[in-house]
Amino acid sequence: MRNLLTFVIVGMVLLLLAFTSYPFEPQHLLLLVIQIAIIAVAIVTFVVFVQAERDEILSRIARTQPNTVTWNRSFVLPVLLYAALPLLTVVATAFPLLGDLFSFLDPVLRIVK
């Protein structure tokens, strides 16, 4: 399941980056469509992770309490990777001026280059 989810998320993010560099006129419409699709996939991913965390059989296998969400490392890391990171990508492409918030990293990035 995670390999398929990784493929879908990475594919959509790469598609978003490709549409960002698309030089022709319907660029804004294409960006809007792919951003909505990424947001929908991130929401569905979060819901699936929460439902899996609350599932009684999976909770008994993992020795956690059924019908509750335990906000431990094994739950939070996949949610951050598969739901929050794509949403952050959408926000970064929708609002490129937010990159100025990280301008203090410019000297470090120049050294790395």
PDB file of N, CA and C in Angstrom:
ATOM      1  N   MET A   1       0.822  -1.188   0.000  1.00  0.00           N
ATOM      2  CA  MET A   1       0.000   0.000   0.000  1.00  0.00           C
ATOM      3  C   MET A   1       0.868   1.255   0.000  1.00  0.00           C
ATOM      4  N   ARG A   2       1.928   1.226   0.777  1.00  0.00           N
ATOM      5  CA  ARG A   2       2.758   2.431   0.868  1.00  0.00           C
ATOM      6  C   ARG A   2       3.513   2.704  -0.422  1.00  0.00           C
ATOM      7  N   ASN A   3       3.888   1.645  -1.140  1.00  0.00           N
ATOM      8  CA  ASN A   3       4.564   1.861  -2.416  1.00  0.00           C
ATOM      9  C   ASN A   3       3.629   2.524  -3.411  1.00  0.00           C
ATOM     10  N   LEU A   4       2.390   2.091  -3.447  1.00  0.00           N
ATOM     11  CA  LEU A   4       1.407   2.694  -4.329  1.00  0.00           C
ATOM     12  C   LEU A   4       1.141   4.142  -3.929  1.00  0.00           C
ATOM     13  N   LEU A   5       1.024   4.374  -2.633  1.00  0.00           N
ATOM     14  CA  LEU A   5       0.799   5.735  -2.140  1.00  0.00           C
ATOM     15  C   LEU A   5       1.989   6.635  -2.449  1.00  0.00           C
ATOM     16  N   THR A   6       3.186   6.107  -2.293  1.00  0.00           N
ATOM     17  CA  THR A   6       4.385   6.875  -2.631  1.00  0.00           C
ATOM     18  C   THR A   6       4.400   7.226  -4.116  1.00  0.00           C
ATOM     19  N   PHE A   7       4.060   6.266  -4.963  1.00  0.00           N
ATOM     20  CA  PHE A   7       4.014   6.508  -6.397  1.00  0.00           C
ATOM     21  C   PHE A   7       2.995   7.597  -6.739  1.00  0.00           C
ATOM     22  N   VAL A   8       1.820   7.537  -6.141  1.00  0.00           N
ATOM     23  CA  VAL A   8       0.768   8.525  -6.434  1.00  0.00           C
ATOM     24  C   VAL A   8       1.200   9.911  -5.975  1.00  0.00           C
ATOM     25  N   ILE A   9       1.714  10.023  -4.762  1.00  0.00           N
ATOM     26  CA  ILE A   9       2.117  11.327  -4.222  1.00  0.00           C
ATOM     27  C   ILE A   9       3.277  11.910  -5.021  1.00  0.00           C
ATOM     28  N   VAL A  10       4.311  11.121  -5.262  1.00  0.00           N
ATOM     29  CA  VAL A  10       5.476  11.625  -6.002  1.00  0.00           C
ATOM     30  C   VAL A  10       5.073  11.990  -7.424  1.00  0.00           C
ATOM     31  N   GLY A  11       4.245  11.167  -8.043  1.00  0.00           N
ATOM     32  CA  GLY A  11       3.780  11.477  -9.396  1.00  0.00           C
ATOM     33  C   GLY A  11       3.001  12.775  -9.465  1.00  0.00           C
ATOM     34  N   MET A  12       2.130  13.001  -8.500  1.00  0.00           N
ATOM     35  CA  MET A  12       1.339  14.233  -8.508  1.00  0.00           C
ATOM     36  C   MET A  12       2.207  15.461  -8.228  1.00  0.00           C
ATOM     37  N   VAL A  13       3.158  15.320  -7.321  1.00  0.00           N
ATOM     38  CA  VAL A  13       4.053  16.448  -7.028  1.00  0.00           C
ATOM     39  C   VAL A  13       4.923  16.754  -8.243  1.00  0.00           C
ATOM     40  N   LEU A  14       5.421  15.719  -8.930  1.00  0.00           N
ATOM     41  CA  LEU A  14       6.201  15.958 -10.145  1.00  0.00           C
ATOM     42  C   LEU A  14       5.335  16.582 -11.237  1.00  0.00           C
ATOM     43  N   LEU A  15       4.090  16.172 -11.323  1.00  0.00           N
ATOM     44  CA  LEU A  15       3.167  16.775 -12.277  1.00  0.00           C
ATOM     45  C   LEU A  15       2.920  18.244 -11.936  1.00  0.00           C
ATOM     46  N   LEU A  16       2.815  18.544 -10.656  1.00  0.00           N
ATOM     47  CA  LEU A  16       2.661  19.935 -10.228  1.00  0.00           C
ATOM     48  C   LEU A  16       3.886  20.762 -10.604  1.00  0.00           C
ATOM     49  N   LEU A  17       5.061  20.204 -10.397  1.00  0.00           N
ATOM     50  CA  LEU A  17       6.285  20.926 -10.764  1.00  0.00           C
ATOM     51  C   LEU A  17       6.390  21.101 -12.276  1.00  0.00           C
ATOM     52  N   ALA A  18       5.929  20.109 -13.036  1.00  0.00           N
ATOM     53  CA  ALA A  18       5.944  20.236 -14.493  1.00  0.00           C
ATOM     54  C   ALA A  18       4.977  21.328 -14.946  1.00  0.00           C
ATOM     55  N   PHE A  19       3.803  21.388 -14.341  1.00  0.00           N
ATOM     56  CA  PHE A  19       2.840  22.429 -14.706  1.00  0.00           C
ATOM     57  C   PHE A  19       3.310  23.813 -14.273  1.00  0.00           C
ATOM     58  N   THR A  20       4.123  23.886 -13.236  1.00  0.00           N
ATOM     59  CA  THR A  20       4.659  25.170 -12.803  1.00  0.00           C
ATOM     60  C   THR A  20       5.563  25.767 -13.871  1.00  0.00           C
ATOM     61  N   SER A  21       6.284  24.917 -14.584  1.00  0.00           N
ATOM     62  CA  SER A  21       7.180  25.412 -15.628  1.00  0.00           C
ATOM     63  C   SER A  21       6.533  25.414 -17.011  1.00  0.00           C
ATOM     64  N   TYR A  22       5.255  25.129 -17.097  1.00  0.00           N
ATOM     65  CA  TYR A  22       4.536  25.099 -18.381  1.00  0.00           C
ATOM     66  C   TYR A  22       4.388  26.527 -18.895  1.00  0.00           C
ATOM     67  N   PRO A  23       4.939  26.860 -20.069  1.00  0.00           N
ATOM     68  CA  PRO A  23       5.000  28.259 -20.490  1.00  0.00           C
ATOM     69  C   PRO A  23       3.763  28.780 -21.237  1.00  0.00           C
ATOM     70  N   PHE A  24       2.764  27.950 -21.463  1.00  0.00           N
ATOM     71  CA  PHE A  24       1.646  28.378 -22.304  1.00  0.00           C
ATOM     72  C   PHE A  24       0.454  28.834 -21.466  1.00  0.00           C
ATOM     73  N   GLU A  25      -0.573  29.335 -22.135  1.00  0.00           N
ATOM     74  CA  GLU A  25      -1.649  30.071 -21.486  1.00  0.00           C
ATOM     75  C   GLU A  25      -2.497  29.316 -20.460  1.00  0.00           C
ATOM     76  N   PRO A  26      -2.976  28.120 -20.668  1.00  0.00           N
ATOM     77  CA  PRO A  26      -3.858  27.559 -19.636  1.00  0.00           C
ATOM     78  C   PRO A  26      -3.107  27.059 -18.397  1.00  0.00           C
ATOM     79  N   GLN A  27      -1.967  27.673 -18.129  1.00  0.00           N
ATOM     80  CA  GLN A  27      -1.141  27.246 -17.002  1.00  0.00           C
ATOM     81  C   GLN A  27      -1.885  27.365 -15.674  1.00  0.00           C
ATOM     82  N   HIS A  28      -2.591  28.454 -15.435  1.00  0.00           N
ATOM     83  CA  HIS A  28      -3.261  28.664 -14.154  1.00  0.00           C
ATOM     84  C   HIS A  28      -4.375  27.646 -13.931  1.00  0.00           C
ATOM     85  N   LEU A  29      -5.101  27.326 -14.974  1.00  0.00           N
ATOM     86  CA  LEU A  29      -6.160  26.330 -14.851  1.00  0.00           C
ATOM     87  C   LEU A  29      -5.573  24.950 -14.558  1.00  0.00           C
ATOM     88  N   LEU A  30      -4.494  24.597 -15.242  1.00  0.00           N
ATOM     89  CA  LEU A  30      -3.853  23.308 -14.994  1.00  0.00           C
ATOM     90  C   LEU A  30      -3.281  23.231 -13.582  1.00  0.00           C
ATOM     91  N   LEU A  31      -2.678  24.327 -13.126  1.00  0.00           N
ATOM     92  CA  LEU A  31      -2.153  24.361 -11.756  1.00  0.00           C
ATOM     93  C   LEU A  31      -3.275  24.208 -10.740  1.00  0.00           C
ATOM     94  N   LEU A  32      -4.393  24.864 -10.982  1.00  0.00           N
ATOM     95  CA  LEU A  32      -5.520  24.769 -10.060  1.00  0.00           C
ATOM     96  C   LEU A  32      -6.051  23.342  -9.997  1.00  0.00           C
ATOM     97  N   VAL A  33      -6.175  22.702 -11.138  1.00  0.00           N
ATOM     98  CA  VAL A  33      -6.685  21.327 -11.168  1.00  0.00           C
ATOM     99  C   VAL A  33      -5.751  20.376 -10.421  1.00  0.00           C
ATOM    100  N   ILE A  34      -4.458  20.469 -10.663  1.00  0.00           N
ATOM    101  CA  ILE A  34      -3.533  19.554  -9.999  1.00  0.00           C
ATOM    102  C   ILE A  34      -3.418  19.875  -8.507  1.00  0.00           C
ATOM    103  N   GLN A  35      -3.524  21.146  -8.125  1.00  0.00           N
ATOM    104  CA  GLN A  35      -3.500  21.491  -6.707  1.00  0.00           C
ATOM    105  C   GLN A  35      -4.715  20.924  -5.988  1.00  0.00           C
ATOM    106  N   ILE A  36      -5.885  21.013  -6.608  1.00  0.00           N
ATOM    107  CA  ILE A  36      -7.090  20.434  -6.009  1.00  0.00           C
ATOM    108  C   ILE A  36      -6.945  18.918  -5.897  1.00  0.00           C
ATOM    109  N   ALA A  37      -6.368  18.297  -6.910  1.00  0.00           N
ATOM    110  CA  ALA A  37      -6.174  16.839  -6.870  1.00  0.00           C
ATOM    111  C   ALA A  37      -5.204  16.441  -5.754  1.00  0.00           C
ATOM    112  N   ILE A  38      -4.132  17.191  -5.565  1.00  0.00           N
ATOM    113  CA  ILE A  38      -3.171  16.883  -4.506  1.00  0.00           C
ATOM    114  C   ILE A  38      -3.805  17.082  -3.140  1.00  0.00           C
ATOM    115  N   ILE A  39      -4.585  18.131  -2.981  1.00  0.00           N
ATOM    116  CA  ILE A  39      -5.273  18.366  -1.705  1.00  0.00           C
ATOM    117  C   ILE A  39      -6.242  17.218  -1.420  1.00  0.00           C
ATOM    118  N   ALA A  40      -6.976  16.782  -2.442  1.00  0.00           N
ATOM    119  CA  ALA A  40      -7.923  15.674  -2.253  1.00  0.00           C
ATOM    120  C   ALA A  40      -7.194  14.389  -1.877  1.00  0.00           C
ATOM    121  N   VAL A  41      -6.080  14.104  -2.544  1.00  0.00           N
ATOM    122  CA  VAL A  41      -5.311  12.898  -2.219  1.00  0.00           C
ATOM    123  C   VAL A  41      -4.746  12.985  -0.807  1.00  0.00           C
ATOM    124  N   ALA A  42      -4.287  14.146  -0.384  1.00  0.00           N
ATOM    125  CA  ALA A  42      -3.746  14.300   0.964  1.00  0.00           C
ATOM    126  C   ALA A  42      -4.841  14.107   2.015  1.00  0.00           C
ATOM    127  N   ILE A  43      -6.030  14.627   1.758  1.00  0.00           N
ATOM    128  CA  ILE A  43      -7.133  14.455   2.711  1.00  0.00           C
ATOM    129  C   ILE A  43      -7.551  12.992   2.792  1.00  0.00           C
ATOM    130  N   VAL A  44      -7.676  12.340   1.645  1.00  0.00           N
ATOM    131  CA  VAL A  44      -8.043  10.917   1.638  1.00  0.00           C
ATOM    132  C   VAL A  44      -6.966  10.087   2.328  1.00  0.00           C
ATOM    133  N   THR A  45      -5.712  10.422   2.106  1.00  0.00           N
ATOM    134  CA  THR A  45      -4.615   9.714   2.764  1.00  0.00           C
ATOM    135  C   THR A  45      -4.698   9.847   4.270  1.00  0.00           C
ATOM    136  N   PHE A  46      -4.958  11.058   4.741  1.00  0.00           N
ATOM    137  CA  PHE A  46      -5.081  11.279   6.186  1.00  0.00           C
ATOM    138  C   PHE A  46      -6.247  10.480   6.757  1.00  0.00           C
ATOM    139  N   VAL A  47      -7.381  10.497   6.074  1.00  0.00           N
ATOM    140  CA  VAL A  47      -8.555   9.755   6.548  1.00  0.00           C
ATOM    141  C   VAL A  47      -8.270   8.259   6.595  1.00  0.00           C
ATOM    142  N   VAL A  48      -7.589   7.734   5.584  1.00  0.00           N
ATOM    143  CA  VAL A  48      -7.264   6.307   5.560  1.00  0.00           C
ATOM    144  C   VAL A  48      -6.314   5.952   6.700  1.00  0.00           C
ATOM    145  N   PHE A  49      -5.315   6.778   6.965  1.00  0.00           N
ATOM    146  CA  PHE A  49      -4.403   6.506   8.076  1.00  0.00           C
ATOM    147  C   PHE A  49      -5.122   6.549   9.417  1.00  0.00           C
ATOM    148  N   VAL A  50      -6.036   7.495   9.582  1.00  0.00           N
ATOM    149  CA  VAL A  50      -6.790   7.581  10.841  1.00  0.00           C
ATOM    150  C   VAL A  50      -7.701   6.360  10.989  1.00  0.00           C
ATOM    151  N   GLN A  51      -8.378   5.970   9.922  1.00  0.00           N
ATOM    152  CA  GLN A  51      -9.243   4.789   9.997  1.00  0.00           C
ATOM    153  C   GLN A  51      -8.438   3.522  10.276  1.00  0.00           C
ATOM    154  N   ALA A  52      -7.284   3.402   9.679  1.00  0.00           N
ATOM    155  CA  ALA A  52      -6.434   2.240   9.944  1.00  0.00           C
ATOM    156  C   ALA A  52      -5.938   2.242  11.384  1.00  0.00           C
ATOM    157  N   GLU A  53      -5.670   3.409  11.911  1.00  0.00           N
ATOM    158  CA  GLU A  53      -5.211   3.512  13.295  1.00  0.00           C
ATOM    159  C   GLU A  53      -6.333   3.149  14.271  1.00  0.00           C
ATOM    160  N   ARG A  54      -7.571   3.443  13.923  1.00  0.00           N
ATOM    161  CA  ARG A  54      -8.712   3.156  14.794  1.00  0.00           C
ATOM    162  C   ARG A  54      -9.255   1.747  14.623  1.00  0.00           C
ATOM    163  N   ASP A  55      -8.826   1.032  13.583  1.00  0.00           N
ATOM    164  CA  ASP A  55      -9.353  -0.292  13.297  1.00  0.00           C
ATOM    165  C   ASP A  55      -9.044  -1.254  14.439  1.00  0.00           C
ATOM    166  N   GLU A  56     -10.052  -2.044  14.808  1.00  0.00           N
ATOM    167  CA  GLU A  56      -9.903  -2.917  15.966  1.00  0.00           C
ATOM    168  C   GLU A  56      -8.887  -4.036  15.727  1.00  0.00           C
ATOM    169  N   ILE A  57      -8.932  -4.643  14.577  1.00  0.00           N
ATOM    170  CA  ILE A  57      -8.018  -5.756  14.299  1.00  0.00           C
ATOM    171  C   ILE A  57      -6.579  -5.260  14.195  1.00  0.00           C
ATOM    172  N   LEU A  58      -6.375  -4.166  13.477  1.00  0.00           N
ATOM    173  CA  LEU A  58      -5.015  -3.621  13.365  1.00  0.00           C
ATOM    174  C   LEU A  58      -4.508  -3.115  14.715  1.00  0.00           C
ATOM    175  N   SER A  59      -5.396  -2.585  15.534  1.00  0.00           N
ATOM    176  CA  SER A  59      -4.984  -2.128  16.871  1.00  0.00           C
ATOM    177  C   SER A  59      -4.571  -3.296  17.746  1.00  0.00           C
ATOM    178  N   ARG A  60      -5.273  -4.410  17.644  1.00  0.00           N
ATOM    179  CA  ARG A  60      -4.886  -5.588  18.436  1.00  0.00           C
ATOM    180  C   ARG A  60      -3.550  -6.149  17.962  1.00  0.00           C
ATOM    181  N   ILE A  61      -3.301  -6.115  16.663  1.00  0.00           N
ATOM    182  CA  ILE A  61      -2.014  -6.580  16.146  1.00  0.00           C
ATOM    183  C   ILE A  61      -0.886  -5.683  16.640  1.00  0.00           C
ATOM    184  N   ALA A  62      -1.128  -4.374  16.628  1.00  0.00           N
ATOM    185  CA  ALA A  62      -0.097  -3.421  17.050  1.00  0.00           C
ATOM    186  C   ALA A  62      -0.063  -3.227  18.562  1.00  0.00           C
ATOM    187  N   ARG A  63      -0.974  -3.896  19.276  1.00  0.00           N
ATOM    188  CA  ARG A  63      -1.075  -3.787  20.740  1.00  0.00           C
ATOM    189  C   ARG A  63      -1.317  -2.347  21.191  1.00  0.00           C
ATOM    190  N   THR A  64      -2.246  -1.699  20.495  1.00  0.00           N
ATOM    191  CA  THR A  64      -2.694  -0.365  20.903  1.00  0.00           C
ATOM    192  C   THR A  64      -4.182  -0.439  21.220  1.00  0.00           C
ATOM    193  N   GLN A  65      -4.702   0.626  21.765  1.00  0.00           N
ATOM    194  CA  GLN A  65      -6.107   0.639  22.162  1.00  0.00           C
ATOM    195  C   GLN A  65      -7.004   0.799  20.928  1.00  0.00           C
ATOM    196  N   PRO A  66      -8.000  -0.097  20.750  1.00  0.00           N
ATOM    197  CA  PRO A  66      -8.884  -0.005  19.583  1.00  0.00           C
ATOM    198  C   PRO A  66      -9.773   1.239  19.630  1.00  0.00           C
ATOM    199  N   ASN A  67     -10.190   1.694  18.471  1.00  0.00           N
ATOM    200  CA  ASN A  67     -11.112   2.829  18.293  1.00  0.00           C
ATOM    201  C   ASN A  67     -10.572   4.144  18.814  1.00  0.00           C
ATOM    202  N   THR A  68      -9.270   4.249  18.949  1.00  0.00           N
ATOM    203  CA  THR A  68      -8.641   5.523  19.319  1.00  0.00           C
ATOM    204  C   THR A  68      -7.430   5.741  18.412  1.00  0.00           C
ATOM    205  N   VAL A  69      -7.083   6.987  18.275  1.00  0.00           N
ATOM    206  CA  VAL A  69      -5.891   7.337  17.509  1.00  0.00           C
ATOM    207  C   VAL A  69      -4.787   7.644  18.499  1.00  0.00           C
ATOM    208  N   THR A  70      -3.724   6.873  18.445  1.00  0.00           N
ATOM    209  CA  THR A  70      -2.564   7.136  19.292  1.00  0.00           C
ATOM    210  C   THR A  70      -1.557   7.936  18.480  1.00  0.00           C
ATOM    211  N   TRP A  71      -1.273   9.113  18.923  1.00  0.00           N
ATOM    212  CA  TRP A  71      -0.388  10.022  18.198  1.00  0.00           C
ATOM    213  C   TRP A  71       1.057   9.706  18.529  1.00  0.00           C
ATOM    214  N   ASN A  72       1.477   8.503  18.144  1.00  0.00           N
ATOM    215  CA  ASN A  72       2.858   8.112  18.372  1.00  0.00           C
ATOM    216  C   ASN A  72       3.647   8.246  17.077  1.00  0.00           C
ATOM    217  N   ARG A  73       4.899   7.885  17.161  1.00  0.00           N
ATOM    218  CA  ARG A  73       5.806   8.063  16.021  1.00  0.00           C
ATOM    219  C   ARG A  73       5.384   7.235  14.809  1.00  0.00           C
ATOM    220  N   SER A  74       4.882   6.041  15.034  1.00  0.00           N
ATOM    221  CA  SER A  74       4.507   5.176  13.915  1.00  0.00           C
ATOM    222  C   SER A  74       3.266   5.681  13.184  1.00  0.00           C
ATOM    223  N   PHE A  75       2.509   6.573  13.796  1.00  0.00           N
ATOM    224  CA  PHE A  75       1.351   7.166  13.132  1.00  0.00           C
ATOM    225  C   PHE A  75       1.685   8.533  12.540  1.00  0.00           C
ATOM    226  N   VAL A  76       2.409   9.336  13.283  1.00  0.00           N
ATOM    227  CA  VAL A  76       2.652  10.725  12.875  1.00  0.00           C
ATOM    228  C   VAL A  76       3.611  10.815  11.683  1.00  0.00           C
ATOM    229  N   LEU A  77       4.661  10.019  11.651  1.00  0.00           N
ATOM    230  CA  LEU A  77       5.628  10.115  10.555  1.00  0.00           C
ATOM    231  C   LEU A  77       5.017   9.809   9.184  1.00  0.00           C
ATOM    232  N   PRO A  78       4.255   8.732   9.015  1.00  0.00           N
ATOM    233  CA  PRO A  78       3.627   8.527   7.701  1.00  0.00           C
ATOM    234  C   PRO A  78       2.608   9.610   7.346  1.00  0.00           C
ATOM    235  N   VAL A  79       1.902  10.123   8.343  1.00  0.00           N
ATOM    236  CA  VAL A  79       0.945  11.204   8.069  1.00  0.00           C
ATOM    237  C   VAL A  79       1.684  12.449   7.596  1.00  0.00           C
ATOM    238  N   LEU A  80       2.797  12.761   8.236  1.00  0.00           N
ATOM    239  CA  LEU A  80       3.579  13.916   7.794  1.00  0.00           C
ATOM    240  C   LEU A  80       4.145  13.699   6.396  1.00  0.00           C
ATOM    241  N   LEU A  81       4.621  12.502   6.130  1.00  0.00           N
ATOM    242  CA  LEU A  81       5.238  12.222   4.838  1.00  0.00           C
ATOM    243  C   LEU A  81       4.220  12.184   3.708  1.00  0.00           C
ATOM    244  N   TYR A  82       3.101  11.506   3.914  1.00  0.00           N
ATOM    245  CA  TYR A  82       2.151  11.273   2.831  1.00  0.00           C
ATOM    246  C   TYR A  82       1.004  12.274   2.761  1.00  0.00           C
ATOM    247  N   ALA A  83       0.794  13.070   3.799  1.00  0.00           N
ATOM    248  CA  ALA A  83      -0.304  14.044   3.771  1.00  0.00           C
ATOM    249  C   ALA A  83       0.203  15.484   3.907  1.00  0.00           C
ATOM    250  N   ALA A  84       1.065  15.731   4.881  1.00  0.00           N
ATOM    251  CA  ALA A  84       1.499  17.105   5.129  1.00  0.00           C
ATOM    252  C   ALA A  84       2.507  17.601   4.093  1.00  0.00           C
ATOM    253  N   LEU A  85       3.415  16.752   3.667  1.00  0.00           N
ATOM    254  CA  LEU A  85       4.420  17.165   2.683  1.00  0.00           C
ATOM    255  C   LEU A  85       3.809  17.544   1.331  1.00  0.00           C
ATOM    256  N   PRO A  86       2.856  16.784   0.796  1.00  0.00           N
ATOM    257  CA  PRO A  86       2.200  17.245  -0.440  1.00  0.00           C
ATOM    258  C   PRO A  86       1.430  18.552  -0.265  1.00  0.00           C
ATOM    259  N   LEU A  87       0.804  18.729   0.894  1.00  0.00           N
ATOM    260  CA  LEU A  87       0.105  19.995   1.151  1.00  0.00           C
ATOM    261  C   LEU A  87       1.089  21.156   1.230  1.00  0.00           C
ATOM    262  N   LEU A  88       2.249  20.915   1.819  1.00  0.00           N
ATOM    263  CA  LEU A  88       3.283  21.942   1.872  1.00  0.00           C
ATOM    264  C   LEU A  88       3.780  22.290   0.476  1.00  0.00           C
ATOM    265  N   THR A  89       3.867  21.301  -0.394  1.00  0.00           N
ATOM    266  CA  THR A  89       4.257  21.546  -1.782  1.00  0.00           C
ATOM    267  C   THR A  89       3.232  22.403  -2.503  1.00  0.00           C
ATOM    268  N   VAL A  90       1.958  22.133  -2.266  1.00  0.00           N
ATOM    269  CA  VAL A  90       0.893  22.937  -2.876  1.00  0.00           C
ATOM    270  C   VAL A  90       0.959  24.371  -2.382  1.00  0.00           C
ATOM    271  N   VAL A  91       1.168  24.548  -1.095  1.00  0.00           N
ATOM    272  CA  VAL A  91       1.263  25.903  -0.536  1.00  0.00           C
ATOM    273  C   VAL A  91       2.478  26.621  -1.098  1.00  0.00           C
ATOM    274  N   ALA A  92       3.587  25.919  -1.242  1.00  0.00           N
ATOM    275  CA  ALA A  92       4.806  26.544  -1.769  1.00  0.00           C
ATOM    276  C   ALA A  92       4.650  26.973  -3.225  1.00  0.00           C
ATOM    277  N   THR A  93       3.908  26.205  -4.019  1.00  0.00           N
ATOM    278  CA  THR A  93       3.706  26.601  -5.410  1.00  0.00           C
ATOM    279  C   THR A  93       2.612  27.653  -5.550  1.00  0.00           C
ATOM    280  N   ALA A  94       1.645  27.653  -4.655  1.00  0.00           N
ATOM    281  CA  ALA A  94       0.571  28.643  -4.731  1.00  0.00           C
ATOM    282  C   ALA A  94       1.038  30.011  -4.238  1.00  0.00           C
ATOM    283  N   PHE A  95       1.927  30.019  -3.249  1.00  0.00           N
ATOM    284  CA  PHE A  95       2.416  31.265  -2.668  1.00  0.00           C
ATOM    285  C   PHE A  95       3.941  31.280  -2.685  1.00  0.00           C
ATOM    286  N   PRO A  96       4.550  31.603  -3.824  1.00  0.00           N
ATOM    287  CA  PRO A  96       6.018  31.543  -3.902  1.00  0.00           C
ATOM    288  C   PRO A  96       6.718  32.572  -3.012  1.00  0.00           C
ATOM    289  N   LEU A  97       6.010  33.595  -2.584  1.00  0.00           N
ATOM    290  CA  LEU A  97       6.631  34.588  -1.716  1.00  0.00           C
ATOM    291  C   LEU A  97       6.910  34.041  -0.324  1.00  0.00           C
ATOM    292  N   LEU A  98       6.312  32.915   0.021  1.00  0.00           N
ATOM    293  CA  LEU A  98       6.614  32.302   1.308  1.00  0.00           C
ATOM    294  C   LEU A  98       8.048  31.803   1.370  1.00  0.00           C
ATOM    295  N   GLY A  99       8.686  31.649   0.218  1.00  0.00           N
ATOM    296  CA  GLY A  99      10.090  31.260   0.195  1.00  0.00           C
ATOM    297  C   GLY A  99      10.994  32.296   0.825  1.00  0.00           C
ATOM    298  N   ASP A 100      10.533  33.549   0.883  1.00  0.00           N
ATOM    299  CA  ASP A 100      11.323  34.593   1.532  1.00  0.00           C
ATOM    300  C   ASP A 100      11.448  34.369   3.037  1.00  0.00           C
ATOM    301  N   LEU A 101      10.553  33.579   3.608  1.00  0.00           N
ATOM    302  CA  LEU A 101      10.649  33.275   5.028  1.00  0.00           C
ATOM    303  C   LEU A 101      11.911  32.482   5.344  1.00  0.00           C
ATOM    304  N   PHE A 102      12.397  31.740   4.351  1.00  0.00           N
ATOM    305  CA  PHE A 102      13.585  30.924   4.553  1.00  0.00           C
ATOM    306  C   PHE A 102      14.822  31.548   3.924  1.00  0.00           C
ATOM    307  N   SER A 103      14.817  32.865   3.743  1.00  0.00           N
ATOM    308  CA  SER A 103      15.958  33.536   3.128  1.00  0.00           C
ATOM    309  C   SER A 103      17.197  33.499   4.019  1.00  0.00           C
ATOM    310  N   PHE A 104      17.014  33.246   5.305  1.00  0.00           N
ATOM    311  CA  PHE A 104      18.174  33.160   6.191  1.00  0.00           C
ATOM    312  C   PHE A 104      19.028  31.931   5.871  1.00  0.00           C
ATOM    313  N   LEU A 105      18.482  30.993   5.102  1.00  0.00           N
ATOM    314  CA  LEU A 105      19.242  29.805   4.716  1.00  0.00           C
ATOM    315  C   LEU A 105      20.070  30.011   3.450  1.00  0.00           C
ATOM    316  N   ASP A 106      19.948  31.165   2.787  1.00  0.00           N
ATOM    317  CA  ASP A 106      20.677  31.410   1.551  1.00  0.00           C
ATOM    318  C   ASP A 106      22.186  31.251   1.677  1.00  0.00           C
ATOM    319  N   PRO A 107      22.828  31.794   2.699  1.00  0.00           N
ATOM    320  CA  PRO A 107      24.288  31.594   2.806  1.00  0.00           C
ATOM    321  C   PRO A 107      24.672  30.120   2.958  1.00  0.00           C
ATOM    322  N   VAL A 108      23.882  29.376   3.676  1.00  0.00           N
ATOM    323  CA  VAL A 108      24.172  27.943   3.868  1.00  0.00           C
ATOM    324  C   VAL A 108      24.000  27.201   2.526  1.00  0.00           C
ATOM    325  N   LEU A 109      22.960  27.549   1.790  1.00  0.00           N
ATOM    326  CA  LEU A 109      22.727  26.894   0.508  1.00  0.00           C
ATOM    327  C   LEU A 109      23.810  27.235  -0.510  1.00  0.00           C
ATOM    328  N   ARG A 110      24.344  28.463  -0.451  1.00  0.00           N
ATOM    329  CA  ARG A 110      25.451  28.817  -1.349  1.00  0.00           C
ATOM    330  C   ARG A 110      26.696  28.017  -1.033  1.00  0.00           C
ATOM    331  N   ILE A 111      26.935  27.750   0.236  1.00  0.00           N
ATOM    332  CA  ILE A 111      28.104  26.960   0.627  1.00  0.00           C
ATOM    333  C   ILE A 111      27.962  25.525   0.131  1.00  0.00           C
ATOM    334  N   VAL A 112      26.752  24.998   0.216  1.00  0.00           N
ATOM    335  CA  VAL A 112      26.517  23.616  -0.206  1.00  0.00           C
ATOM    336  C   VAL A 112      26.706  23.473  -1.694  1.00  0.00           C
ATOM    337  N   LYS A 113      26.337  24.496  -2.482  1.00  0.00           N
ATOM    338  CA  LYS A 113      26.496  24.437  -3.948  1.00  0.00           C
ATOM    339  C   LYS A 113      27.957  24.360  -4.268  1.00  0.00           C
TER     340      LYS A 113
END
